C-alpha atoms as a PDB file:
ATOM      1  CA  MET A   1      10.007  16.885  16.537  1.00  0.00           C
ATOM      2  CA  THR A   2      11.883  14.098  18.292  1.00  0.00           C
ATOM      3  CA  THR A   3      11.994  10.526  16.986  1.00  0.00           C
ATOM      4  CA  HIS A   4      10.023   9.369  20.019  1.00  0.00           C
ATOM      5  CA  SER A   5       7.214  11.919  19.525  1.00  0.00           C
ATOM      6  CA  LEU A   6       7.073  11.167  15.784  1.00  0.00           C
ATOM      7  CA  LEU A   7       6.754   7.455  16.574  1.00  0.00           C
ATOM      8  CA  ASP A   8       3.960   8.312  19.026  1.00  0.00           C
ATOM      9  CA  ASP A   9       2.183  10.220  16.225  1.00  0.00           C
ATOM     10  CA  TRP A  10       2.640   7.250  13.863  1.00  0.00           C
ATOM     11  CA  LEU A  11       1.184   4.878  16.469  1.00  0.00           C
ATOM     12  CA  ALA A  12      -1.797   7.183  17.086  1.00  0.00           C
ATOM     13  CA  GLU A  13      -2.520   7.349  13.329  1.00  0.00           C
ATOM     14  CA  GLU A  14      -2.238   3.569  13.117  1.00  0.00           C
ATOM     15  CA  ALA A  15      -4.700   3.088  15.994  1.00  0.00           C
ATOM     16  CA  SER A  16      -7.207   5.435  14.347  1.00  0.00           C
ATOM     17  CA  VAL A  17      -7.008   3.662  10.975  1.00  0.00           C
ATOM     18  CA  LEU A  18      -7.252   0.244  12.675  1.00  0.00           C
ATOM     19  CA  ARG A  19     -10.501   1.295  14.393  1.00  0.00           C
ATOM     20  CA  HIS A  20     -12.015   2.069  10.970  1.00  0.00           C
ATOM     21  CA  LEU A  21     -10.650  -1.073   9.303  1.00  0.00           C
ATOM     22  CA  ASN A  22     -11.833  -3.301  12.155  1.00  0.00           C
ATOM     23  CA  SER A  23     -15.342  -1.813  11.983  1.00  0.00           C
ATOM     24  CA  GLY A  24     -15.663  -2.730   8.304  1.00  0.00           C
ATOM     25  CA  PRO A  25     -15.823  -5.931   6.265  1.00  0.00           C
ATOM     26  CA  GLY A  26     -12.226  -6.907   7.070  1.00  0.00           C
ATOM     27  CA  PRO A  27      -9.787  -8.440   4.602  1.00  0.00           C
ATOM     28  CA  GLY A  28     -11.007  -9.480   1.193  1.00  0.00           C
ATOM     29  CA  VAL A  29     -11.701  -8.268  -2.335  1.00  0.00           C
ATOM     30  CA  ALA A  30     -14.258  -5.608  -3.222  1.00  0.00           C
ATOM     31  CA  ARG A  31     -17.081  -6.805  -5.456  1.00  0.00           C
ATOM     32  CA  PRO A  32     -17.534  -5.004  -8.804  1.00  0.00           C
ATOM     33  CA  GLU A  33     -20.810  -3.447  -7.642  1.00  0.00           C
ATOM     34  CA  GLN A  34     -19.056  -1.991  -4.571  1.00  0.00           C
ATOM     35  CA  ILE A  35     -16.584  -0.045  -6.693  1.00  0.00           C
ATOM     36  CA  ALA A  36     -18.751   0.731  -9.729  1.00  0.00           C
ATOM     37  CA  GLY A  37     -18.616   4.432 -10.600  1.00  0.00           C
ATOM     38  CA  LYS A  38     -15.893   5.176  -8.034  1.00  0.00           C
ATOM     39  CA  THR A  39     -12.497   6.596  -8.885  1.00  0.00           C
ATOM     40  CA  GLY A  40      -9.451   4.821  -7.511  1.00  0.00           C
ATOM     41  CA  LEU A  41      -9.027   7.602  -4.951  1.00  0.00           C
ATOM     42  CA  GLU A  42     -12.637   7.157  -3.793  1.00  0.00           C
ATOM     43  CA  GLN A  43     -12.116   3.394  -3.540  1.00  0.00           C
ATOM     44  CA  MET A  44      -8.937   3.722  -1.492  1.00  0.00           C
ATOM     45  CA  GLN A  45     -10.436   6.313   0.846  1.00  0.00           C
ATOM     46  CA  ALA A  46     -13.552   4.128   1.310  1.00  0.00           C
ATOM     47  CA  MET A  47     -11.261   1.243   2.261  1.00  0.00           C
ATOM     48  CA  LEU A  48      -9.529   3.399   4.885  1.00  0.00           C
ATOM     49  CA  ARG A  49     -12.941   4.346   6.319  1.00  0.00           C
ATOM     50  CA  GLY A  50     -13.791   0.632   6.673  1.00  0.00           C
ATOM     51  CA  GLU A  51     -16.432   0.699   3.923  1.00  0.00           C
ATOM     52  CA  LEU A  52     -14.583  -1.668   1.561  1.00  0.00           C
ATOM     53  CA  PRO A  53     -12.401  -4.718   2.301  1.00  0.00           C
ATOM     54  CA  PHE A  54      -8.653  -4.316   2.631  1.00  0.00           C
ATOM     55  CA  ALA A  55      -6.004  -6.671   1.232  1.00  0.00           C
ATOM     56  CA  ALA A  56      -5.496  -9.780   3.378  1.00  0.00           C
ATOM     57  CA  ILE A  57      -1.732  -9.658   2.810  1.00  0.00           C
ATOM     58  CA  ALA A  58      -1.656  -6.622   5.104  1.00  0.00           C
ATOM     59  CA  ARG A  59      -2.401  -8.884   8.072  1.00  0.00           C
ATOM     60  CA  THR A  60      -0.034 -11.598   6.883  1.00  0.00           C
ATOM     61  CA  LEU A  61       2.921  -9.203   6.652  1.00  0.00           C
ATOM     62  CA  ASP A  62       1.814  -6.786   9.438  1.00  0.00           C
ATOM     63  CA  PHE A  63       1.502  -3.565   7.488  1.00  0.00           C
ATOM     64  CA  MET A  64      -1.384  -1.302   6.541  1.00  0.00           C
ATOM     65  CA  ALA A  65      -2.388   1.752   4.575  1.00  0.00           C
ATOM     66  CA  ILE A  66      -2.189   4.802   6.815  1.00  0.00           C
ATOM     67  CA  ASP A  67      -2.911   7.682   4.466  1.00  0.00           C
ATOM     68  CA  ILE A  68      -4.236   7.977   0.927  1.00  0.00           C
ATOM     69  CA  GLY A  69      -4.190  11.161  -1.136  1.00  0.00           C
ATOM     70  CA  ASP A  70      -4.413  12.139  -4.783  1.00  0.00           C
ATOM     71  CA  GLY A  71      -1.374  10.390  -6.251  1.00  0.00           C
ATOM     72  CA  THR A  72       0.015   9.352  -2.861  1.00  0.00           C
ATOM     73  CA  ALA A  73      -0.198   6.377  -0.533  1.00  0.00           C
ATOM     74  CA  THR A  74       1.517   5.791   2.787  1.00  0.00           C
ATOM     75  CA  PHE A  75       1.812   2.352   4.351  1.00  0.00           C
ATOM     76  CA  GLN A  76       3.113   1.639   7.840  1.00  0.00           C
ATOM     77  CA  GLY A  77       4.546  -1.671   8.921  1.00  0.00           C
ATOM     78  CA  THR A  78       6.035  -3.618  11.772  1.00  0.00           C
ATOM     79  CA  PRO A  79       8.475  -6.309  10.696  1.00  0.00           C
ATOM     80  CA  GLY A  80       8.400  -9.243  13.079  1.00  0.00           C
ATOM     81  CA  PRO A  81      10.441 -12.382  13.734  1.00  0.00           C
ATOM     82  CA  GLU A  82       8.467 -14.226  11.042  1.00  0.00           C
ATOM     83  CA  HIS A  83       9.794 -11.736   8.463  1.00  0.00           C
ATOM     84  CA  LEU A  84      13.487 -12.373   9.154  1.00  0.00           C
ATOM     85  CA  ASN A  85      15.921 -14.041   6.800  1.00  0.00           C
ATOM     86  CA  PRO A  86      18.495 -16.547   8.160  1.00  0.00           C
ATOM     87  CA  MET A  87      20.925 -13.671   8.863  1.00  0.00           C
ATOM     88  CA  GLY A  88      18.494 -12.062  11.327  1.00  0.00           C
ATOM     89  CA  THR A  89      17.498  -9.064   9.216  1.00  0.00           C
ATOM     90  CA  VAL A  90      14.160  -8.398   7.540  1.00  0.00           C
ATOM     91  CA  HIS A  91      13.772 -10.379   4.314  1.00  0.00           C
ATOM     92  CA  GLY A  92      13.961  -8.399   1.071  1.00  0.00           C
ATOM     93  CA  GLY A  93      10.529  -9.713   0.105  1.00  0.00           C
ATOM     94  CA  TRP A  94       8.999  -7.791   3.012  1.00  0.00           C
ATOM     95  CA  PHE A  95      10.685  -4.583   1.789  1.00  0.00           C
ATOM     96  CA  ALA A  96       9.451  -5.238  -1.758  1.00  0.00           C
ATOM     97  CA  THR A  97       5.874  -5.983  -0.704  1.00  0.00           C
ATOM     98  CA  ILE A  98       5.308  -2.919   1.472  1.00  0.00           C
ATOM     99  CA  LEU A  99       6.954  -0.688  -1.155  1.00  0.00           C
ATOM    100  CA  ASP A 100       4.932  -2.302  -3.978  1.00  0.00           C
ATOM    101  CA  SER A 101       1.763  -1.683  -1.952  1.00  0.00           C
ATOM    102  CA  ALA A 102       2.539   2.024  -1.500  1.00  0.00           C
ATOM    103  CA  LEU A 103       3.507   2.361  -5.162  1.00  0.00           C
ATOM    104  CA  GLY A 104       0.481   0.488  -6.493  1.00  0.00           C
ATOM    105  CA  CYS A 105      -2.013   2.233  -4.240  1.00  0.00           C
ATOM    106  CA  ALA A 106      -0.587   5.644  -5.189  1.00  0.00           C
ATOM    107  CA  VAL A 107      -1.176   4.691  -8.839  1.00  0.00           C
ATOM    108  CA  HIS A 108      -4.628   3.335  -7.927  1.00  0.00           C
ATOM    109  CA  THR A 109      -5.659   6.795  -6.695  1.00  0.00           C
ATOM    110  CA  LYS A 110      -5.241   8.135 -10.252  1.00  0.00           C
ATOM    111  CA  MET A 111      -7.611   5.580 -11.851  1.00  0.00           C
ATOM    112  CA  LEU A 112     -10.880   6.827 -13.309  1.00  0.00           C
ATOM    113  CA  PRO A 113     -14.025   4.707 -12.788  1.00  0.00           C
ATOM    114  CA  GLY A 114     -13.771   1.497 -14.812  1.00  0.00           C
ATOM    115  CA  ARG A 115      -9.975   1.707 -15.120  1.00  0.00           C
ATOM    116  CA  GLY A 116      -7.399  -0.555 -13.505  1.00  0.00           C
ATOM    117  CA  TYR A 117      -3.669  -1.220 -13.522  1.00  0.00           C
ATOM    118  CA  THR A 118      -1.139  -3.951 -12.963  1.00  0.00           C
ATOM    119  CA  THR A 119       2.525  -3.772 -12.038  1.00  0.00           C
ATOM    120  CA  ALA A 120       4.720  -4.253 -15.108  1.00  0.00           C
ATOM    121  CA  GLU A 121       8.044  -3.460 -13.419  1.00  0.00           C
ATOM    122  CA  LEU A 122       9.175  -3.095  -9.821  1.00  0.00           C
ATOM    123  CA  SER A 123      12.676  -2.030  -8.821  1.00  0.00           C
ATOM    124  CA  VAL A 124      13.690  -2.056  -5.154  1.00  0.00           C
ATOM    125  CA  ASN A 125      16.956  -0.728  -3.743  1.00  0.00           C
ATOM    126  CA  ILE A 126      17.613  -1.770  -0.143  1.00  0.00           C
ATOM    127  CA  VAL A 127      20.158   0.676   1.250  1.00  0.00           C
ATOM    128  CA  ARG A 128      20.177  -0.341   4.926  1.00  0.00           C
ATOM    129  CA  ALA A 129      19.324  -3.529   6.797  1.00  0.00           C
ATOM    130  CA  LEU A 130      16.127  -3.476   8.819  1.00  0.00           C
ATOM    131  CA  THR A 131      16.089  -5.283  12.167  1.00  0.00           C
ATOM    132  CA  LEU A 132      13.482  -5.812  14.853  1.00  0.00           C
ATOM    133  CA  LYS A 133      14.967  -2.865  16.778  1.00  0.00           C
ATOM    134  CA  VAL A 134      13.081  -0.543  14.401  1.00  0.00           C
ATOM    135  CA  PRO A 135       9.515  -0.432  15.773  1.00  0.00           C
ATOM    136  CA  ARG A 136       7.787   0.896  12.626  1.00  0.00           C
ATOM    137  CA  VAL A 137       8.625   1.957   9.104  1.00  0.00           C
ATOM    138  CA  ARG A 138       6.665   3.862   6.504  1.00  0.00           C
ATOM    139  CA  ALA A 139       6.562   3.291   2.763  1.00  0.00           C
ATOM    140  CA  ILE A 140       5.601   6.581   1.140  1.00  0.00           C
ATOM    141  CA  GLY A 141       4.596   6.305  -2.498  1.00  0.00           C
ATOM    142  CA  ARG A 142       3.874   9.052  -4.996  1.00  0.00           C
ATOM    143  CA  VAL A 143       2.854   9.043  -8.629  1.00  0.00           C
ATOM    144  CA  ILE A 144       5.324  10.573 -11.046  1.00  0.00           C
ATOM    145  CA  HIS A 145       3.229  10.096 -14.218  1.00  0.00           C
ATOM    146  CA  SER A 146      -0.255   8.764 -14.844  1.00  0.00           C
ATOM    147  CA  GLY A 147      -1.252   8.399 -18.466  1.00  0.00           C
ATOM    148  CA  ARG A 148      -3.810   6.496 -20.522  1.00  0.00           C
ATOM    149  CA  GLN A 149      -1.624   3.363 -20.831  1.00  0.00           C
ATOM    150  CA  LEU A 150       1.259   3.741 -18.354  1.00  0.00           C
ATOM    151  CA  ALA A 151       1.772   5.076 -14.857  1.00  0.00           C
ATOM    152  CA  THR A 152       5.019   5.442 -12.916  1.00  0.00           C
ATOM    153  CA  ALA A 153       5.639   6.033  -9.233  1.00  0.00           C
ATOM    154  CA  ASP A 154       8.418   6.104  -6.668  1.00  0.00           C
ATOM    155  CA  ALA A 155       8.516   5.311  -2.951  1.00  0.00           C
ATOM    156  CA  GLN A 156      10.793   5.470   0.047  1.00  0.00           C
ATOM    157  CA  LEU A 157      10.852   3.227   3.122  1.00  0.00           C
ATOM    158  CA  VAL A 158      11.810   5.298   6.173  1.00  0.00           C
ATOM    159  CA  GLY A 159      11.967   4.954   9.936  1.00  0.00           C
ATOM    160  CA  PRO A 160      10.545   7.456  12.434  1.00  0.00           C
ATOM    161  CA  ASP A 161      14.031   8.941  12.831  1.00  0.00           C
ATOM    162  CA  GLY A 162      14.175   9.682   9.086  1.00  0.00           C
ATOM    163  CA  THR A 163      16.527   6.793   8.271  1.00  0.00           C
ATOM    164  CA  LEU A 164      16.127   5.629   4.681  1.00  0.00           C
ATOM    165  CA  TYR A 165      15.992   1.813   4.458  1.00  0.00           C
ATOM    166  CA  ALA A 166      14.986   1.395   0.814  1.00  0.00           C
ATOM    167  CA  HIS A 167      13.599   3.161  -2.225  1.00  0.00           C
ATOM    168  CA  ALA A 168      11.688   1.805  -5.190  1.00  0.00           C
ATOM    169  CA  THR A 169      10.101   2.638  -8.518  1.00  0.00           C
ATOM    170  CA  THR A 170       7.344   1.031 -10.544  1.00  0.00           C
ATOM    171  CA  THR A 171       5.875   1.112 -14.015  1.00  0.00           C
ATOM    172  CA  CYS A 172       2.250   0.038 -14.251  1.00  0.00           C
ATOM    173  CA  LEU A 173       0.108  -0.841 -17.247  1.00  0.00           C
ATOM    174  CA  VAL A 174      -3.242   0.977 -17.216  1.00  0.00           C
ATOM    175  CA  PHE A 175      -6.325  -0.554 -18.861  1.00  0.00           C
ATOM    176  CA  ASP A 176     -10.132  -0.758 -18.915  1.00  0.00           C
ATOM    177  CA  LEU A 177     -11.534  -3.231 -16.391  1.00  0.00           C
ATOM    178  CA  GLN A 178     -13.428  -6.152 -17.888  1.00  0.00           C
ATOM    179  CA  HIS A 179     -15.604  -7.656 -15.144  1.00  0.00           C
ATOM    180  CA  LYS A 180     -17.373 -10.905 -16.016  1.00  0.00           C
ATOM    181  CA  PRO A 181     -21.087 -11.108 -15.181  1.00  0.00           C
ATOM    182  CA  ALA A 182     -22.060 -13.079 -12.066  1.00  0.00           C
ATOM    183  CA  GLY A 183     -21.944 -16.837 -12.579  1.00  0.00           C
ATOM    184  CA  GLY A 184     -18.954 -16.666 -14.917  1.00  0.00           C
ATOM    185  CA  ALA A 185     -21.036 -16.242 -18.090  1.00  0.00           C
ATOM    186  CA  THR A 186     -19.337 -14.393 -20.916  1.00  0.00           C
ATOM    187  CA  THR A 187     -20.856 -12.057 -23.436  1.00  0.00           C
END
């Protein structure tokens, strides 16, 4: 498959996911009752179908989840002029955020109902500068280990021609969710 036809496939997938996201509640945070009893995989897939809100940062940094599987998450992004550093290349924070999203969402897919996680460690290796000449990139995350207390994952940021721009790893702490009752009352 040529780079151009692969990019066309990426753009078609993006358009399909955007239709679902735009038909749903938009950016925001899911309420506890919306996710109660759902696994992390079910939550992520519901978000892609437009049934649950998606993270607002996706609009801010112009990237989005494209595909979610069991232990995997793929994000696609378009760095723009607002994401450039003073040298004219994409800021490392943009790399880190799209990679962290793919890593975290891959880990999220392994959560049982009532379980959550938080990033404890994120390591990003930028191996090639990213400029505005690259129309899209994908951050592809996959879980390496998902245990009762820790989860680890790795990800790669690639262009449609297969160029590797960065790779990353994460360690996440896994825990029981403790939602407060409505109104902020504690028990």
